[in-house]
Amino acid sequence: MWFIVIGIIVLGILAAIAGHLRNKKLQGMLERGEIKEIPEPKEISEGCCGQHETCEKDSLLAAVSKKIEYYEDEDLDRFIGTAADAYSENEVEEFREVLYTLQEVEVAGWIRSLLLRGIELPDALKDEAFLILGERRIHA
């Protein structure tokens, strides 16, 4: 237990020293005229960064984003906890209607949103949804 506490304290001290040395180095570069101003940290944008084989915004993994977005599909919340193979044909049609009103770029986000909300995509629609995602990735 003490090893963990000591390790966290040591890491905090090392991070503070690294930050101080970075600021000192940047200040020296500024004084010598190598840079015009000290760079500010950049915020990560919602778009693709180009560092991944597949853009994170196209990912179906719920871990990529914890933000739940609704795609005018609030009425689907009544299916929270329903198994993917337990939907009736009329219920599958409700999902299909939402799927085909989405733009291609929104499909991955919609599926991720369903997962975050605890709604399973009906088995009957999975092939169609993955086909749309696959086509988008091929032509992107």
N, C-alpha and C. Protein backbone atom coordinates (compact mmCIF):
# COMPACT_ATOMS: atom_id res chain seq x y z
N MET A 1 0.83 -1.19 0.00
CA MET A 1 0.00 0.00 0.00
C MET A 1 0.87 1.25 0.00
N TRP A 2 1.91 1.22 0.82
CA TRP A 2 2.80 2.38 0.89
C TRP A 2 3.55 2.58 -0.41
N PHE A 3 3.83 1.48 -1.12
CA PHE A 3 4.51 1.59 -2.40
C PHE A 3 3.69 2.39 -3.39
N ILE A 4 2.39 2.18 -3.38
CA ILE A 4 1.51 2.90 -4.30
C ILE A 4 1.49 4.39 -3.96
N VAL A 5 1.36 4.71 -2.68
CA VAL A 5 1.33 6.11 -2.26
C VAL A 5 2.65 6.80 -2.59
N ILE A 6 3.74 6.14 -2.27
CA ILE A 6 5.07 6.71 -2.56
C ILE A 6 5.26 6.85 -4.07
N GLY A 7 4.81 5.85 -4.83
CA GLY A 7 4.93 5.90 -6.29
C GLY A 7 4.15 7.08 -6.86
N ILE A 8 2.95 7.33 -6.37
CA ILE A 8 2.15 8.46 -6.85
C ILE A 8 2.82 9.78 -6.51
N ILE A 9 3.36 9.88 -5.31
CA ILE A 9 4.06 11.11 -4.92
C ILE A 9 5.28 11.34 -5.79
N VAL A 10 6.05 10.29 -6.04
CA VAL A 10 7.24 10.41 -6.88
C VAL A 10 6.86 10.81 -8.30
N LEU A 11 5.81 10.21 -8.85
CA LEU A 11 5.36 10.58 -10.18
C LEU A 11 4.90 12.03 -10.24
N GLY A 12 4.23 12.49 -9.20
CA GLY A 12 3.81 13.89 -9.14
C GLY A 12 5.00 14.84 -9.12
N ILE A 13 6.02 14.49 -8.35
CA ILE A 13 7.24 15.31 -8.28
C ILE A 13 7.94 15.31 -9.63
N LEU A 14 8.05 14.14 -10.27
CA LEU A 14 8.68 14.06 -11.58
C LEU A 14 7.92 14.88 -12.63
N ALA A 15 6.59 14.84 -12.57
CA ALA A 15 5.79 15.63 -13.51
C ALA A 15 5.99 17.12 -13.28
N ALA A 16 6.08 17.54 -12.02
CA ALA A 16 6.31 18.95 -11.72
C ALA A 16 7.69 19.39 -12.22
N ILE A 17 8.69 18.55 -12.03
CA ILE A 17 10.05 18.88 -12.49
C ILE A 17 10.07 18.96 -14.02
N ALA A 18 9.42 17.99 -14.69
CA ALA A 18 9.39 18.00 -16.16
C ALA A 18 8.68 19.25 -16.67
N GLY A 19 7.60 19.64 -16.04
CA GLY A 19 6.88 20.84 -16.44
C GLY A 19 7.73 22.09 -16.25
N HIS A 20 8.43 22.15 -15.14
CA HIS A 20 9.30 23.31 -14.86
C HIS A 20 10.43 23.38 -15.89
N LEU A 21 11.06 22.24 -16.19
CA LEU A 21 12.14 22.23 -17.17
C LEU A 21 11.64 22.61 -18.57
N ARG A 22 10.44 22.14 -18.93
CA ARG A 22 9.87 22.51 -20.23
C ARG A 22 9.64 24.01 -20.31
N ASN A 23 9.04 24.57 -19.26
CA ASN A 23 8.79 26.02 -19.25
C ASN A 23 10.10 26.81 -19.30
N LYS A 24 11.13 26.34 -18.60
CA LYS A 24 12.42 27.02 -18.59
C LYS A 24 13.04 26.96 -19.99
N LYS A 25 12.95 25.80 -20.65
CA LYS A 25 13.48 25.65 -22.00
C LYS A 25 12.75 26.57 -22.98
N LEU A 26 11.41 26.60 -22.91
CA LEU A 26 10.64 27.47 -23.79
C LEU A 26 10.94 28.94 -23.54
N GLN A 27 11.12 29.31 -22.28
CA GLN A 27 11.44 30.70 -21.96
C GLN A 27 12.80 31.07 -22.55
N GLY A 28 13.77 30.16 -22.47
CA GLY A 28 15.08 30.40 -23.07
C GLY A 28 15.00 30.55 -24.58
N MET A 29 14.21 29.71 -25.22
CA MET A 29 14.02 29.80 -26.67
C MET A 29 13.36 31.13 -27.05
N LEU A 30 12.43 31.57 -26.22
CA LEU A 30 11.75 32.84 -26.47
C LEU A 30 12.73 34.01 -26.35
N GLU A 31 13.58 33.98 -25.33
CA GLU A 31 14.57 35.04 -25.12
C GLU A 31 15.61 35.09 -26.23
N ARG A 32 15.98 33.94 -26.78
CA ARG A 32 16.96 33.89 -27.87
C ARG A 32 16.34 34.21 -29.21
N GLY A 33 15.01 34.30 -29.27
CA GLY A 33 14.33 34.62 -30.51
C GLY A 33 14.06 33.43 -31.40
N GLU A 34 14.25 32.24 -30.89
CA GLU A 34 14.00 31.04 -31.66
C GLU A 34 12.50 30.82 -31.90
N ILE A 35 11.70 31.26 -30.95
CA ILE A 35 10.25 31.21 -31.12
C ILE A 35 9.69 32.59 -30.77
N LYS A 36 8.52 32.90 -31.32
CA LYS A 36 7.93 34.22 -31.10
C LYS A 36 7.06 34.26 -29.86
N GLU A 37 6.48 33.13 -29.50
CA GLU A 37 5.66 33.05 -28.30
C GLU A 37 5.65 31.62 -27.79
N ILE A 38 5.33 31.46 -26.53
CA ILE A 38 5.26 30.13 -25.94
C ILE A 38 3.97 29.47 -26.44
N PRO A 39 4.10 28.28 -27.04
CA PRO A 39 2.91 27.62 -27.59
C PRO A 39 1.92 27.23 -26.49
N GLU A 40 0.64 27.41 -26.80
CA GLU A 40 -0.43 27.03 -25.89
C GLU A 40 -0.84 25.58 -26.18
N PRO A 41 -1.29 24.87 -25.16
CA PRO A 41 -1.78 23.51 -25.42
C PRO A 41 -2.97 23.55 -26.37
N LYS A 42 -3.03 22.56 -27.26
CA LYS A 42 -4.12 22.49 -28.22
C LYS A 42 -5.20 21.54 -27.71
N GLU A 43 -6.45 21.91 -27.98
CA GLU A 43 -7.56 21.04 -27.62
C GLU A 43 -7.75 20.02 -28.73
N ILE A 44 -8.16 18.83 -28.34
CA ILE A 44 -8.42 17.78 -29.32
C ILE A 44 -9.76 18.06 -29.97
N SER A 45 -9.78 18.04 -31.29
CA SER A 45 -11.02 18.32 -32.01
C SER A 45 -11.85 17.06 -32.11
N GLU A 46 -13.12 17.23 -32.48
CA GLU A 46 -14.03 16.11 -32.66
C GLU A 46 -13.72 15.35 -33.95
N GLY A 47 -12.99 15.97 -34.87
CA GLY A 47 -12.71 15.34 -36.16
C GLY A 47 -11.62 14.30 -36.04
N CYS A 48 -11.23 13.76 -37.15
CA CYS A 48 -10.17 12.75 -37.17
C CYS A 48 -8.80 13.40 -37.03
N CYS A 49 -7.95 12.75 -36.29
CA CYS A 49 -6.61 13.28 -36.08
C CYS A 49 -5.63 12.73 -37.11
N GLY A 50 -5.98 11.64 -37.80
CA GLY A 50 -5.11 11.05 -38.81
C GLY A 50 -4.07 10.10 -38.24
N GLN A 51 -4.09 9.87 -36.95
CA GLN A 51 -3.09 9.00 -36.34
C GLN A 51 -3.55 7.56 -36.19
N HIS A 52 -4.79 7.28 -36.57
CA HIS A 52 -5.33 5.94 -36.42
C HIS A 52 -5.73 5.39 -37.78
N GLU A 53 -5.67 4.07 -37.90
CA GLU A 53 -6.06 3.45 -39.16
C GLU A 53 -7.52 3.73 -39.47
N THR A 54 -8.35 3.67 -38.45
CA THR A 54 -9.77 3.99 -38.59
C THR A 54 -10.05 5.18 -37.69
N CYS A 55 -10.73 6.16 -38.23
CA CYS A 55 -11.04 7.35 -37.45
C CYS A 55 -11.86 6.98 -36.22
N GLU A 56 -11.52 7.57 -35.07
CA GLU A 56 -12.22 7.25 -33.84
C GLU A 56 -13.69 7.62 -33.90
N LYS A 57 -14.03 8.65 -34.67
CA LYS A 57 -15.44 9.03 -34.73
C LYS A 57 -16.25 8.00 -35.50
N ASP A 58 -15.58 7.14 -36.29
CA ASP A 58 -16.25 6.06 -37.00
C ASP A 58 -16.28 4.78 -36.19
N SER A 59 -15.67 4.80 -35.02
CA SER A 59 -15.59 3.60 -34.21
C SER A 59 -16.93 3.29 -33.55
N LEU A 60 -17.22 2.01 -33.40
CA LEU A 60 -18.43 1.59 -32.73
C LEU A 60 -18.19 1.36 -31.25
N LEU A 61 -16.96 1.48 -30.80
CA LEU A 61 -16.65 1.22 -29.41
C LEU A 61 -17.21 2.32 -28.53
N ALA A 62 -17.97 1.91 -27.54
CA ALA A 62 -18.55 2.88 -26.62
C ALA A 62 -17.47 3.59 -25.80
N ALA A 63 -16.29 2.96 -25.69
CA ALA A 63 -15.22 3.56 -24.91
C ALA A 63 -14.63 4.79 -25.58
N VAL A 64 -14.85 4.93 -26.87
CA VAL A 64 -14.31 6.09 -27.58
C VAL A 64 -14.96 7.37 -27.08
N SER A 65 -16.22 7.32 -26.80
CA SER A 65 -16.95 8.49 -26.35
C SER A 65 -18.00 8.07 -25.34
N LYS A 66 -18.14 8.85 -24.29
CA LYS A 66 -19.18 8.59 -23.29
C LYS A 66 -20.35 9.53 -23.49
N LYS A 67 -20.30 10.34 -24.53
CA LYS A 67 -21.35 11.31 -24.80
C LYS A 67 -22.49 10.65 -25.56
N ILE A 68 -23.67 10.69 -24.97
CA ILE A 68 -24.85 10.12 -25.63
C ILE A 68 -25.47 11.19 -26.51
N GLU A 69 -25.61 10.86 -27.78
CA GLU A 69 -26.26 11.77 -28.73
C GLU A 69 -27.54 11.13 -29.20
N TYR A 70 -28.55 11.95 -29.35
CA TYR A 70 -29.82 11.44 -29.88
C TYR A 70 -29.95 11.87 -31.34
N TYR A 71 -30.43 10.98 -32.16
CA TYR A 71 -30.61 11.22 -33.59
C TYR A 71 -32.10 11.20 -33.91
N GLU A 72 -32.85 12.00 -33.15
CA GLU A 72 -34.31 12.03 -33.25
C GLU A 72 -34.87 10.62 -33.08
N ASP A 73 -34.29 9.89 -32.12
CA ASP A 73 -34.68 8.50 -31.87
C ASP A 73 -34.96 8.24 -30.40
N GLU A 74 -35.42 9.27 -29.70
CA GLU A 74 -35.69 9.15 -28.27
C GLU A 74 -36.70 8.04 -27.97
N ASP A 75 -37.61 7.79 -28.91
CA ASP A 75 -38.62 6.76 -28.70
C ASP A 75 -38.03 5.35 -28.65
N LEU A 76 -36.79 5.18 -29.11
CA LEU A 76 -36.14 3.87 -29.05
C LEU A 76 -35.67 3.53 -27.63
N ASP A 77 -35.68 4.50 -26.74
CA ASP A 77 -35.25 4.25 -25.36
C ASP A 77 -36.13 3.21 -24.66
N ARG A 78 -37.31 2.98 -25.17
CA ARG A 78 -38.18 1.98 -24.54
C ARG A 78 -37.64 0.56 -24.75
N PHE A 79 -36.64 0.41 -25.63
CA PHE A 79 -36.06 -0.90 -25.90
C PHE A 79 -34.81 -1.17 -25.06
N ILE A 80 -34.54 -0.32 -24.09
CA ILE A 80 -33.37 -0.54 -23.22
C ILE A 80 -33.50 -1.91 -22.55
N GLY A 81 -32.47 -2.71 -22.70
CA GLY A 81 -32.46 -4.04 -22.09
C GLY A 81 -33.06 -5.14 -22.94
N THR A 82 -33.60 -4.81 -24.10
CA THR A 82 -34.17 -5.83 -24.99
C THR A 82 -33.04 -6.53 -25.74
N ALA A 83 -33.10 -7.83 -25.80
CA ALA A 83 -32.08 -8.61 -26.50
C ALA A 83 -32.18 -8.37 -28.01
N ALA A 84 -31.06 -8.47 -28.69
CA ALA A 84 -31.00 -8.18 -30.13
C ALA A 84 -31.88 -9.12 -30.95
N ASP A 85 -32.14 -10.30 -30.45
CA ASP A 85 -32.96 -11.26 -31.21
C ASP A 85 -34.41 -11.29 -30.75
N ALA A 86 -34.81 -10.36 -29.88
CA ALA A 86 -36.16 -10.38 -29.31
C ALA A 86 -37.10 -9.33 -29.92
N TYR A 87 -36.69 -8.67 -30.98
CA TYR A 87 -37.52 -7.62 -31.57
C TYR A 87 -38.54 -8.21 -32.55
N SER A 88 -39.73 -7.61 -32.55
CA SER A 88 -40.73 -7.99 -33.55
C SER A 88 -40.39 -7.30 -34.87
N GLU A 89 -41.06 -7.70 -35.94
CA GLU A 89 -40.80 -7.09 -37.25
C GLU A 89 -41.14 -5.60 -37.25
N ASN A 90 -42.21 -5.21 -36.57
CA ASN A 90 -42.58 -3.79 -36.50
C ASN A 90 -41.52 -2.98 -35.74
N GLU A 91 -40.97 -3.57 -34.69
CA GLU A 91 -39.93 -2.89 -33.92
C GLU A 91 -38.65 -2.75 -34.74
N VAL A 92 -38.32 -3.79 -35.51
CA VAL A 92 -37.15 -3.73 -36.40
C VAL A 92 -37.35 -2.61 -37.42
N GLU A 93 -38.55 -2.46 -37.92
CA GLU A 93 -38.86 -1.39 -38.89
C GLU A 93 -38.65 -0.01 -38.28
N GLU A 94 -38.92 0.15 -36.99
CA GLU A 94 -38.67 1.44 -36.32
C GLU A 94 -37.19 1.77 -36.36
N PHE A 95 -36.36 0.80 -36.05
CA PHE A 95 -34.92 0.99 -36.11
C PHE A 95 -34.47 1.26 -37.54
N ARG A 96 -35.00 0.49 -38.48
CA ARG A 96 -34.63 0.64 -39.89
C ARG A 96 -34.97 2.04 -40.39
N GLU A 97 -36.12 2.57 -39.97
CA GLU A 97 -36.52 3.91 -40.38
C GLU A 97 -35.51 4.96 -39.92
N VAL A 98 -35.04 4.82 -38.67
CA VAL A 98 -34.03 5.76 -38.17
C VAL A 98 -32.72 5.57 -38.93
N LEU A 99 -32.31 4.32 -39.14
CA LEU A 99 -31.05 4.03 -39.84
C LEU A 99 -31.02 4.66 -41.21
N TYR A 100 -32.09 4.53 -41.97
CA TYR A 100 -32.08 5.02 -43.33
C TYR A 100 -32.38 6.52 -43.46
N THR A 101 -32.68 7.18 -42.34
CA THR A 101 -32.81 8.64 -42.39
C THR A 101 -31.50 9.31 -41.99
N LEU A 102 -30.53 8.53 -41.52
CA LEU A 102 -29.23 9.07 -41.13
C LEU A 102 -28.34 9.26 -42.34
N GLN A 103 -27.42 10.22 -42.23
CA GLN A 103 -26.37 10.33 -43.22
C GLN A 103 -25.34 9.25 -42.92
N GLU A 104 -24.57 8.87 -43.93
CA GLU A 104 -23.57 7.80 -43.74
C GLU A 104 -22.62 8.10 -42.58
N VAL A 105 -22.23 9.37 -42.43
CA VAL A 105 -21.27 9.74 -41.40
C VAL A 105 -21.85 9.64 -40.00
N GLU A 106 -23.17 9.54 -39.87
CA GLU A 106 -23.82 9.49 -38.57
C GLU A 106 -24.07 8.08 -38.07
N VAL A 107 -23.95 7.08 -38.94
CA VAL A 107 -24.33 5.72 -38.58
C VAL A 107 -23.50 5.18 -37.41
N ALA A 108 -22.19 5.34 -37.46
CA ALA A 108 -21.34 4.84 -36.38
C ALA A 108 -21.69 5.52 -35.06
N GLY A 109 -21.90 6.82 -35.09
CA GLY A 109 -22.28 7.55 -33.88
C GLY A 109 -23.62 7.09 -33.33
N TRP A 110 -24.55 6.80 -34.23
CA TRP A 110 -25.87 6.34 -33.80
C TRP A 110 -25.77 4.97 -33.12
N ILE A 111 -25.01 4.07 -33.71
CA ILE A 111 -24.85 2.74 -33.11
C ILE A 111 -24.14 2.85 -31.77
N ARG A 112 -23.11 3.70 -31.70
CA ARG A 112 -22.41 3.92 -30.44
C ARG A 112 -23.36 4.50 -29.40
N SER A 113 -24.23 5.43 -29.81
CA SER A 113 -25.21 6.03 -28.91
C SER A 113 -26.18 4.98 -28.38
N LEU A 114 -26.61 4.08 -29.26
CA LEU A 114 -27.50 3.01 -28.82
C LEU A 114 -26.82 2.15 -27.76
N LEU A 115 -25.55 1.81 -27.99
CA LEU A 115 -24.81 0.99 -27.04
C LEU A 115 -24.68 1.68 -25.69
N LEU A 116 -24.38 2.98 -25.72
CA LEU A 116 -24.25 3.74 -24.48
C LEU A 116 -25.56 3.83 -23.72
N ARG A 117 -26.66 3.82 -24.46
CA ARG A 117 -27.98 3.89 -23.83
C ARG A 117 -28.51 2.54 -23.41
N GLY A 118 -27.78 1.46 -23.70
CA GLY A 118 -28.19 0.12 -23.31
C GLY A 118 -29.20 -0.49 -24.26
N ILE A 119 -29.19 -0.04 -25.51
CA ILE A 119 -30.12 -0.55 -26.52
C ILE A 119 -29.33 -1.39 -27.52
N GLU A 120 -29.74 -2.63 -27.70
CA GLU A 120 -29.07 -3.49 -28.67
C GLU A 120 -29.71 -3.30 -30.04
N LEU A 121 -28.87 -3.20 -31.05
CA LEU A 121 -29.36 -3.12 -32.43
C LEU A 121 -29.96 -4.47 -32.80
N PRO A 122 -31.15 -4.47 -33.40
CA PRO A 122 -31.75 -5.76 -33.78
C PRO A 122 -30.85 -6.56 -34.71
N ASP A 123 -30.82 -7.87 -34.50
CA ASP A 123 -29.99 -8.75 -35.34
C ASP A 123 -30.31 -8.57 -36.82
N ALA A 124 -31.58 -8.34 -37.13
CA ALA A 124 -32.01 -8.21 -38.52
C ALA A 124 -31.41 -6.98 -39.20
N LEU A 125 -30.94 -6.01 -38.42
CA LEU A 125 -30.39 -4.78 -39.00
C LEU A 125 -28.87 -4.71 -38.97
N LYS A 126 -28.24 -5.60 -38.26
CA LYS A 126 -26.79 -5.51 -38.09
C LYS A 126 -26.05 -5.58 -39.42
N ASP A 127 -26.45 -6.50 -40.28
CA ASP A 127 -25.77 -6.62 -41.58
C ASP A 127 -25.92 -5.34 -42.39
N GLU A 128 -27.12 -4.76 -42.39
CA GLU A 128 -27.35 -3.53 -43.15
C GLU A 128 -26.50 -2.38 -42.60
N ALA A 129 -26.46 -2.26 -41.27
CA ALA A 129 -25.69 -1.19 -40.65
C ALA A 129 -24.20 -1.35 -40.94
N PHE A 130 -23.69 -2.57 -40.82
CA PHE A 130 -22.27 -2.80 -41.06
C PHE A 130 -21.91 -2.62 -42.53
N LEU A 131 -22.85 -2.92 -43.41
CA LEU A 131 -22.63 -2.69 -44.83
C LEU A 131 -22.47 -1.19 -45.11
N ILE A 132 -23.32 -0.38 -44.49
CA ILE A 132 -23.22 1.08 -44.65
C ILE A 132 -21.88 1.58 -44.11
N LEU A 133 -21.49 1.07 -42.94
CA LEU A 133 -20.20 1.48 -42.35
C LEU A 133 -19.04 1.05 -43.22
N GLY A 134 -19.10 -0.16 -43.73
CA GLY A 134 -18.03 -0.66 -44.59
C GLY A 134 -17.89 0.14 -45.86
N GLU A 135 -19.00 0.49 -46.48
CA GLU A 135 -18.98 1.30 -47.70
C GLU A 135 -18.36 2.67 -47.41
N ARG A 136 -18.71 3.24 -46.30
CA ARG A 136 -18.18 4.56 -45.93
C ARG A 136 -16.66 4.49 -45.75
N ARG A 137 -16.19 3.45 -45.10
CA ARG A 137 -14.75 3.33 -44.86
C ARG A 137 -13.98 3.07 -46.15
N ILE A 138 -14.58 2.33 -47.07
CA ILE A 138 -13.92 2.04 -48.33
C ILE A 138 -13.78 3.32 -49.16
N HIS A 139 -14.82 4.13 -49.18
CA HIS A 139 -14.83 5.34 -50.02
C HIS A 139 -14.28 6.57 -49.30
N ALA A 140 -13.86 6.43 -48.05
CA ALA A 140 -13.35 7.60 -47.31
C ALA A 140 -11.90 7.87 -47.67
